[in-house]
Amino acid sequence: MVLMVVVVVIVVVVVVVVEEVLVVEAFCPHIERERILKTYPAPKTKHSLIFSFLVVVVVVVVVVVVVIEVVVVAVVVEVVLVVVVVVVVVVVVVVVVVVKVVVIAVVVVVIVLVWVVAAVAETATVVVVVVVVVGLGIDVEISDP
């Protein structure tokens, strides 16, 4: 259960950071963009953004696998669930970067994933943690270009 909470929190934090970078890239006016880019330095190209995110995902997966092997008894269901969550998040972020879809779609997918994780884990703890993290993380206002 602790592993589930940790994995979901990591995934949500990664999505929120990528979301803020995408908002800066796509929607912010020039002055606001300069201010935010100083706060959140963004990669210069879409390819470097995708590459950076994939590196983060690989690191997260490695850490999760190590945690499973060292701390938690290896449970096949948990490993599969972690892999599914990571893959779905990677696919969504790549689609958002390439297609320039409104980033709210990312948050919707994360909420659905959290609901699935909570259903599998049969507890509301994951939902509470993710709602708090997402609520704290989404603070970027999207303005018309």
N, C-alpha and C. Protein backbone atom coordinates (compact mmCIF):
# COMPACT_ATOMS: atom_id res chain seq x y z
N MET A 1 0.83 -1.20 0.00
CA MET A 1 0.00 0.00 0.00
C MET A 1 0.87 1.26 0.00
N VAL A 2 1.90 1.27 0.82
CA VAL A 2 2.81 2.41 0.86
C VAL A 2 3.46 2.61 -0.51
N LEU A 3 3.81 1.49 -1.14
CA LEU A 3 4.41 1.56 -2.47
C LEU A 3 3.46 2.22 -3.47
N MET A 4 2.18 1.86 -3.40
CA MET A 4 1.19 2.46 -4.30
C MET A 4 1.13 3.98 -4.11
N VAL A 5 1.10 4.42 -2.86
CA VAL A 5 1.03 5.85 -2.58
C VAL A 5 2.27 6.56 -3.13
N VAL A 6 3.45 5.98 -2.90
CA VAL A 6 4.69 6.58 -3.37
C VAL A 6 4.70 6.69 -4.89
N VAL A 7 4.32 5.61 -5.56
CA VAL A 7 4.33 5.60 -7.03
C VAL A 7 3.38 6.65 -7.58
N VAL A 8 2.16 6.70 -7.04
CA VAL A 8 1.17 7.66 -7.55
C VAL A 8 1.63 9.09 -7.29
N VAL A 9 2.20 9.36 -6.13
CA VAL A 9 2.69 10.71 -5.83
C VAL A 9 3.79 11.10 -6.82
N ILE A 10 4.74 10.18 -7.07
CA ILE A 10 5.83 10.47 -8.01
C ILE A 10 5.28 10.77 -9.40
N VAL A 11 4.34 9.94 -9.86
CA VAL A 11 3.76 10.14 -11.19
C VAL A 11 3.04 11.48 -11.27
N VAL A 12 2.28 11.82 -10.24
CA VAL A 12 1.54 13.09 -10.26
C VAL A 12 2.50 14.27 -10.26
N VAL A 13 3.56 14.20 -9.46
CA VAL A 13 4.53 15.30 -9.42
C VAL A 13 5.17 15.49 -10.80
N VAL A 14 5.56 14.38 -11.44
CA VAL A 14 6.16 14.46 -12.77
C VAL A 14 5.19 15.08 -13.76
N VAL A 15 3.93 14.65 -13.72
CA VAL A 15 2.91 15.19 -14.64
C VAL A 15 2.70 16.67 -14.40
N VAL A 16 2.65 17.10 -13.14
CA VAL A 16 2.43 18.52 -12.84
C VAL A 16 3.60 19.36 -13.35
N VAL A 17 4.84 18.88 -13.17
CA VAL A 17 6.01 19.62 -13.64
C VAL A 17 5.98 19.73 -15.17
N VAL A 18 5.72 18.60 -15.84
CA VAL A 18 5.66 18.61 -17.31
C VAL A 18 4.52 19.51 -17.77
N GLU A 19 3.41 19.47 -17.06
CA GLU A 19 2.26 20.31 -17.41
C GLU A 19 2.64 21.79 -17.36
N GLU A 20 3.36 22.19 -16.33
CA GLU A 20 3.74 23.59 -16.21
C GLU A 20 4.69 23.99 -17.33
N VAL A 21 5.61 23.11 -17.70
CA VAL A 21 6.52 23.40 -18.82
C VAL A 21 5.71 23.55 -20.11
N LEU A 22 4.72 22.66 -20.32
CA LEU A 22 3.91 22.73 -21.54
C LEU A 22 3.06 23.99 -21.57
N VAL A 23 2.55 24.39 -20.42
CA VAL A 23 1.77 25.63 -20.37
C VAL A 23 2.66 26.81 -20.77
N VAL A 24 3.88 26.83 -20.28
CA VAL A 24 4.82 27.90 -20.63
C VAL A 24 5.08 27.88 -22.14
N GLU A 25 5.29 26.68 -22.70
CA GLU A 25 5.61 26.56 -24.12
C GLU A 25 4.45 27.00 -25.00
N ALA A 26 3.22 26.68 -24.60
CA ALA A 26 2.09 26.80 -25.53
C ALA A 26 1.22 28.03 -25.32
N PHE A 27 1.00 28.45 -24.07
CA PHE A 27 -0.10 29.37 -23.83
C PHE A 27 0.28 30.74 -23.25
N CYS A 28 1.45 30.86 -22.65
CA CYS A 28 1.73 32.09 -21.91
C CYS A 28 2.15 33.23 -22.84
N PRO A 29 1.71 34.46 -22.56
CA PRO A 29 2.20 35.61 -23.32
C PRO A 29 3.70 35.81 -23.09
N HIS A 30 4.31 36.66 -23.91
CA HIS A 30 5.77 36.78 -23.93
C HIS A 30 6.34 37.19 -22.56
N ILE A 31 5.78 38.22 -21.93
CA ILE A 31 6.34 38.70 -20.65
C ILE A 31 6.18 37.63 -19.58
N GLU A 32 4.99 37.03 -19.51
CA GLU A 32 4.74 35.98 -18.52
C GLU A 32 5.66 34.79 -18.80
N ARG A 33 5.86 34.49 -20.07
CA ARG A 33 6.73 33.37 -20.44
C ARG A 33 8.15 33.60 -19.93
N GLU A 34 8.66 34.82 -20.12
CA GLU A 34 10.02 35.13 -19.64
C GLU A 34 10.11 34.93 -18.12
N ARG A 35 9.09 35.42 -17.39
CA ARG A 35 9.11 35.30 -15.93
C ARG A 35 9.08 33.84 -15.51
N ILE A 36 8.19 33.06 -16.14
CA ILE A 36 8.05 31.66 -15.73
C ILE A 36 9.25 30.84 -16.17
N LEU A 37 9.82 31.16 -17.33
CA LEU A 37 11.00 30.41 -17.79
C LEU A 37 12.18 30.60 -16.85
N LYS A 38 12.24 31.77 -16.19
CA LYS A 38 13.31 31.96 -15.21
C LYS A 38 13.06 31.09 -13.98
N THR A 39 11.78 30.87 -13.66
CA THR A 39 11.44 30.03 -12.50
C THR A 39 11.52 28.55 -12.85
N TYR A 40 10.96 28.19 -14.02
CA TYR A 40 10.96 26.79 -14.47
C TYR A 40 11.69 26.73 -15.81
N PRO A 41 13.01 26.54 -15.82
CA PRO A 41 13.73 26.48 -17.10
C PRO A 41 13.18 25.33 -17.94
N ALA A 42 12.79 25.63 -19.17
CA ALA A 42 12.18 24.62 -20.03
C ALA A 42 13.17 24.17 -21.09
N PRO A 43 13.07 22.91 -21.51
CA PRO A 43 13.93 22.44 -22.61
C PRO A 43 13.66 23.25 -23.89
N LYS A 44 14.65 23.32 -24.77
CA LYS A 44 14.52 24.17 -25.95
C LYS A 44 13.69 23.54 -27.06
N THR A 45 13.60 22.23 -27.12
CA THR A 45 12.84 21.59 -28.19
C THR A 45 11.88 20.56 -27.62
N LYS A 46 10.90 20.19 -28.45
CA LYS A 46 9.97 19.15 -28.03
C LYS A 46 10.71 17.83 -27.79
N HIS A 47 11.69 17.55 -28.66
CA HIS A 47 12.40 16.29 -28.53
C HIS A 47 13.18 16.22 -27.22
N SER A 48 13.81 17.33 -26.83
CA SER A 48 14.55 17.30 -25.57
C SER A 48 13.60 17.18 -24.38
N LEU A 49 12.37 17.78 -24.52
CA LEU A 49 11.38 17.63 -23.45
C LEU A 49 10.95 16.18 -23.31
N ILE A 50 10.67 15.54 -24.44
CA ILE A 50 10.27 14.12 -24.42
C ILE A 50 11.40 13.27 -23.85
N PHE A 51 12.63 13.54 -24.30
CA PHE A 51 13.78 12.76 -23.83
C PHE A 51 13.96 12.93 -22.33
N SER A 52 13.87 14.19 -21.85
CA SER A 52 14.04 14.45 -20.41
C SER A 52 12.98 13.70 -19.61
N PHE A 53 11.74 13.74 -20.10
CA PHE A 53 10.66 13.06 -19.39
C PHE A 53 10.87 11.56 -19.37
N LEU A 54 11.31 10.99 -20.50
CA LEU A 54 11.55 9.55 -20.55
C LEU A 54 12.67 9.15 -19.59
N VAL A 55 13.70 10.00 -19.48
CA VAL A 55 14.78 9.72 -18.52
C VAL A 55 14.22 9.69 -17.10
N VAL A 56 13.36 10.67 -16.77
CA VAL A 56 12.74 10.69 -15.44
C VAL A 56 11.92 9.43 -15.20
N VAL A 57 11.16 9.02 -16.22
CA VAL A 57 10.32 7.82 -16.07
C VAL A 57 11.19 6.59 -15.84
N VAL A 58 12.28 6.46 -16.59
CA VAL A 58 13.17 5.31 -16.41
C VAL A 58 13.74 5.29 -15.00
N VAL A 59 14.18 6.45 -14.52
CA VAL A 59 14.72 6.53 -13.15
C VAL A 59 13.66 6.13 -12.14
N VAL A 60 12.42 6.63 -12.32
CA VAL A 60 11.33 6.30 -11.40
C VAL A 60 11.07 4.79 -11.40
N VAL A 61 11.04 4.19 -12.59
CA VAL A 61 10.78 2.75 -12.68
C VAL A 61 11.88 1.97 -11.98
N VAL A 62 13.14 2.35 -12.19
CA VAL A 62 14.25 1.66 -11.53
C VAL A 62 14.13 1.77 -10.02
N VAL A 63 13.84 2.99 -9.52
CA VAL A 63 13.70 3.18 -8.07
C VAL A 63 12.57 2.33 -7.52
N VAL A 64 11.45 2.31 -8.24
CA VAL A 64 10.29 1.52 -7.79
C VAL A 64 10.64 0.04 -7.74
N VAL A 65 11.32 -0.46 -8.76
CA VAL A 65 11.69 -1.87 -8.78
C VAL A 65 12.63 -2.20 -7.62
N VAL A 66 13.59 -1.31 -7.37
CA VAL A 66 14.52 -1.53 -6.25
C VAL A 66 13.76 -1.55 -4.93
N VAL A 67 12.81 -0.60 -4.77
CA VAL A 67 12.01 -0.55 -3.54
C VAL A 67 11.21 -1.85 -3.38
N ILE A 68 10.63 -2.31 -4.47
CA ILE A 68 9.85 -3.56 -4.41
C ILE A 68 10.74 -4.72 -3.98
N GLU A 69 11.94 -4.79 -4.57
CA GLU A 69 12.83 -5.92 -4.26
C GLU A 69 13.37 -5.85 -2.84
N VAL A 70 13.70 -4.64 -2.37
CA VAL A 70 14.35 -4.51 -1.06
C VAL A 70 13.35 -4.44 0.08
N VAL A 71 12.30 -3.63 -0.07
CA VAL A 71 11.41 -3.34 1.05
C VAL A 71 10.16 -4.21 1.03
N VAL A 72 9.55 -4.36 -0.12
CA VAL A 72 8.26 -5.02 -0.22
C VAL A 72 8.45 -6.39 -0.87
N VAL A 73 7.63 -7.33 -0.48
CA VAL A 73 7.64 -8.64 -1.13
C VAL A 73 7.19 -8.43 -2.57
N ALA A 74 7.91 -9.04 -3.51
CA ALA A 74 7.59 -8.83 -4.93
C ALA A 74 6.21 -9.40 -5.24
N VAL A 75 5.27 -8.51 -5.53
CA VAL A 75 3.92 -8.92 -5.88
C VAL A 75 3.70 -8.59 -7.35
N VAL A 76 3.34 -9.59 -8.13
CA VAL A 76 3.22 -9.40 -9.58
C VAL A 76 2.20 -8.32 -9.92
N VAL A 77 1.09 -8.28 -9.20
CA VAL A 77 0.05 -7.29 -9.48
C VAL A 77 0.58 -5.87 -9.31
N GLU A 78 1.35 -5.63 -8.25
CA GLU A 78 1.88 -4.29 -8.02
C GLU A 78 2.85 -3.89 -9.11
N VAL A 79 3.73 -4.81 -9.51
CA VAL A 79 4.70 -4.50 -10.57
C VAL A 79 3.98 -4.16 -11.86
N VAL A 80 3.00 -4.96 -12.24
CA VAL A 80 2.25 -4.72 -13.47
C VAL A 80 1.53 -3.37 -13.38
N LEU A 81 0.93 -3.08 -12.24
CA LEU A 81 0.20 -1.82 -12.07
C LEU A 81 1.14 -0.62 -12.20
N VAL A 82 2.31 -0.70 -11.60
CA VAL A 82 3.30 0.37 -11.70
C VAL A 82 3.69 0.59 -13.16
N VAL A 83 3.97 -0.48 -13.87
CA VAL A 83 4.37 -0.37 -15.28
C VAL A 83 3.25 0.25 -16.11
N VAL A 84 2.00 -0.19 -15.87
CA VAL A 84 0.86 0.35 -16.62
C VAL A 84 0.70 1.84 -16.37
N VAL A 85 0.79 2.26 -15.11
CA VAL A 85 0.65 3.69 -14.78
C VAL A 85 1.74 4.50 -15.47
N VAL A 86 2.98 4.05 -15.40
CA VAL A 86 4.09 4.78 -16.01
C VAL A 86 3.92 4.87 -17.53
N VAL A 87 3.56 3.75 -18.17
CA VAL A 87 3.39 3.73 -19.62
C VAL A 87 2.28 4.68 -20.05
N VAL A 88 1.16 4.65 -19.34
CA VAL A 88 0.04 5.53 -19.70
C VAL A 88 0.44 6.99 -19.56
N VAL A 89 1.13 7.33 -18.50
CA VAL A 89 1.55 8.72 -18.31
C VAL A 89 2.52 9.15 -19.42
N VAL A 90 3.47 8.28 -19.78
CA VAL A 90 4.42 8.60 -20.86
C VAL A 90 3.66 8.85 -22.17
N VAL A 91 2.73 7.96 -22.50
CA VAL A 91 1.96 8.10 -23.74
C VAL A 91 1.18 9.42 -23.75
N VAL A 92 0.52 9.73 -22.64
CA VAL A 92 -0.27 10.96 -22.56
C VAL A 92 0.62 12.19 -22.73
N VAL A 93 1.76 12.22 -22.06
CA VAL A 93 2.64 13.39 -22.16
C VAL A 93 3.19 13.53 -23.57
N VAL A 94 3.58 12.43 -24.20
CA VAL A 94 4.09 12.49 -25.57
C VAL A 94 3.00 13.02 -26.51
N VAL A 95 1.76 12.53 -26.35
CA VAL A 95 0.65 13.01 -27.18
C VAL A 95 0.42 14.50 -26.95
N VAL A 96 0.47 14.94 -25.70
CA VAL A 96 0.26 16.36 -25.40
C VAL A 96 1.36 17.20 -26.03
N VAL A 97 2.60 16.74 -25.96
CA VAL A 97 3.72 17.50 -26.53
C VAL A 97 3.60 17.57 -28.05
N VAL A 98 3.27 16.46 -28.69
CA VAL A 98 3.24 16.42 -30.14
C VAL A 98 2.01 17.12 -30.70
N VAL A 99 0.85 16.87 -30.10
CA VAL A 99 -0.41 17.36 -30.65
C VAL A 99 -0.81 18.71 -30.07
N LYS A 100 -0.16 19.14 -28.99
CA LYS A 100 -0.50 20.40 -28.31
C LYS A 100 -1.93 20.40 -27.78
N VAL A 101 -2.35 19.27 -27.26
CA VAL A 101 -3.68 19.18 -26.67
C VAL A 101 -3.66 19.96 -25.35
N VAL A 102 -4.81 20.48 -24.95
CA VAL A 102 -4.88 21.22 -23.69
C VAL A 102 -4.46 20.29 -22.55
N VAL A 103 -3.60 20.80 -21.67
CA VAL A 103 -2.98 19.95 -20.66
C VAL A 103 -3.94 19.47 -19.58
N ILE A 104 -5.14 19.99 -19.57
CA ILE A 104 -6.12 19.51 -18.60
C ILE A 104 -6.38 18.02 -18.82
N ALA A 105 -6.23 17.56 -20.05
CA ALA A 105 -6.40 16.14 -20.36
C ALA A 105 -5.46 15.28 -19.53
N VAL A 106 -4.25 15.77 -19.28
CA VAL A 106 -3.29 15.03 -18.47
C VAL A 106 -3.83 14.82 -17.06
N VAL A 107 -4.38 15.88 -16.48
CA VAL A 107 -4.91 15.79 -15.12
C VAL A 107 -6.07 14.81 -15.07
N VAL A 108 -6.93 14.84 -16.09
CA VAL A 108 -8.06 13.91 -16.13
C VAL A 108 -7.57 12.46 -16.16
N VAL A 109 -6.57 12.19 -16.98
CA VAL A 109 -6.03 10.83 -17.06
C VAL A 109 -5.43 10.41 -15.73
N VAL A 110 -4.70 11.33 -15.08
CA VAL A 110 -4.11 11.00 -13.78
C VAL A 110 -5.19 10.68 -12.76
N ILE A 111 -6.27 11.45 -12.76
CA ILE A 111 -7.36 11.19 -11.82
C ILE A 111 -7.97 9.82 -12.08
N VAL A 112 -8.16 9.48 -13.36
CA VAL A 112 -8.70 8.15 -13.70
C VAL A 112 -7.75 7.05 -13.23
N LEU A 113 -6.44 7.25 -13.46
CA LEU A 113 -5.46 6.26 -13.00
C LEU A 113 -5.49 6.10 -11.48
N VAL A 114 -5.63 7.22 -10.80
CA VAL A 114 -5.71 7.16 -9.33
C VAL A 114 -6.93 6.37 -8.90
N TRP A 115 -8.03 6.59 -9.59
CA TRP A 115 -9.26 5.86 -9.27
C TRP A 115 -9.04 4.36 -9.46
N VAL A 116 -8.36 3.98 -10.54
CA VAL A 116 -8.07 2.56 -10.80
C VAL A 116 -7.16 2.00 -9.72
N VAL A 117 -6.11 2.75 -9.39
CA VAL A 117 -5.18 2.28 -8.35
C VAL A 117 -5.91 2.10 -7.02
N ALA A 118 -6.78 3.07 -6.70
CA ALA A 118 -7.52 2.98 -5.45
C ALA A 118 -8.46 1.78 -5.45
N ALA A 119 -9.07 1.51 -6.61
CA ALA A 119 -9.96 0.35 -6.70
C ALA A 119 -9.19 -0.95 -6.52
N VAL A 120 -8.01 -1.02 -7.14
CA VAL A 120 -7.19 -2.24 -7.01
C VAL A 120 -6.70 -2.39 -5.58
N ALA A 121 -6.30 -1.29 -4.97
CA ALA A 121 -5.77 -1.36 -3.60
C ALA A 121 -6.87 -1.43 -2.55
N GLU A 122 -8.12 -1.19 -2.98
CA GLU A 122 -9.28 -1.24 -2.08
C GLU A 122 -9.11 -0.30 -0.89
N THR A 123 -8.68 0.92 -1.17
CA THR A 123 -8.55 1.91 -0.11
C THR A 123 -8.67 3.30 -0.68
N ALA A 124 -9.02 4.27 0.16
CA ALA A 124 -9.16 5.65 -0.30
C ALA A 124 -7.91 6.49 -0.03
N THR A 125 -6.91 5.90 0.60
CA THR A 125 -5.71 6.66 0.96
C THR A 125 -5.03 7.25 -0.27
N VAL A 126 -4.90 6.44 -1.33
CA VAL A 126 -4.23 6.91 -2.55
C VAL A 126 -4.98 8.10 -3.12
N VAL A 127 -6.31 8.03 -3.15
CA VAL A 127 -7.11 9.12 -3.70
C VAL A 127 -6.88 10.40 -2.92
N VAL A 128 -6.87 10.31 -1.60
CA VAL A 128 -6.67 11.49 -0.77
C VAL A 128 -5.30 12.10 -1.04
N VAL A 129 -4.26 11.27 -1.08
CA VAL A 129 -2.90 11.77 -1.31
C VAL A 129 -2.81 12.46 -2.66
N VAL A 130 -3.35 11.84 -3.70
CA VAL A 130 -3.24 12.40 -5.05
C VAL A 130 -4.06 13.68 -5.20
N VAL A 131 -5.25 13.70 -4.62
CA VAL A 131 -6.06 14.92 -4.69
C VAL A 131 -5.32 16.08 -4.03
N VAL A 132 -4.68 15.83 -2.90
CA VAL A 132 -3.91 16.88 -2.22
C VAL A 132 -2.74 17.33 -3.09
N VAL A 133 -1.98 16.36 -3.65
CA VAL A 133 -0.81 16.70 -4.46
C VAL A 133 -1.22 17.48 -5.71
N VAL A 134 -2.26 16.99 -6.40
CA VAL A 134 -2.73 17.67 -7.61
C VAL A 134 -3.26 19.06 -7.25
N GLY A 135 -3.98 19.15 -6.15
CA GLY A 135 -4.51 20.45 -5.73
C GLY A 135 -3.41 21.45 -5.43
N LEU A 136 -2.31 20.98 -4.85
CA LEU A 136 -1.19 21.88 -4.55
C LEU A 136 -0.38 22.20 -5.80
N GLY A 137 -0.35 21.26 -6.74
CA GLY A 137 0.52 21.41 -7.91
C GLY A 137 -0.04 22.27 -9.02
N ILE A 138 -1.35 22.30 -9.18
CA ILE A 138 -1.94 23.04 -10.31
C ILE A 138 -2.18 24.49 -9.89
N ASP A 139 -1.24 25.35 -10.26
CA ASP A 139 -1.38 26.75 -9.90
C ASP A 139 -1.06 27.67 -11.07
N VAL A 140 -0.95 27.10 -12.26
CA VAL A 140 -0.63 27.90 -13.44
C VAL A 140 -1.92 28.28 -14.14
N GLU A 141 -2.12 29.57 -14.37
CA GLU A 141 -3.31 30.03 -15.08
C GLU A 141 -3.01 30.03 -16.57
N ILE A 142 -3.93 29.46 -17.35
CA ILE A 142 -3.75 29.44 -18.80
C ILE A 142 -4.44 30.67 -19.38
N SER A 143 -3.65 31.51 -20.08
CA SER A 143 -4.23 32.70 -20.69
C SER A 143 -4.25 32.52 -22.21
N ASP A 144 -5.12 33.27 -22.87
CA ASP A 144 -5.24 33.17 -24.33
C ASP A 144 -3.96 33.65 -24.99
N PRO A 145 -3.50 32.93 -26.02
CA PRO A 145 -2.26 33.35 -26.71
C PRO A 145 -2.49 34.61 -27.52
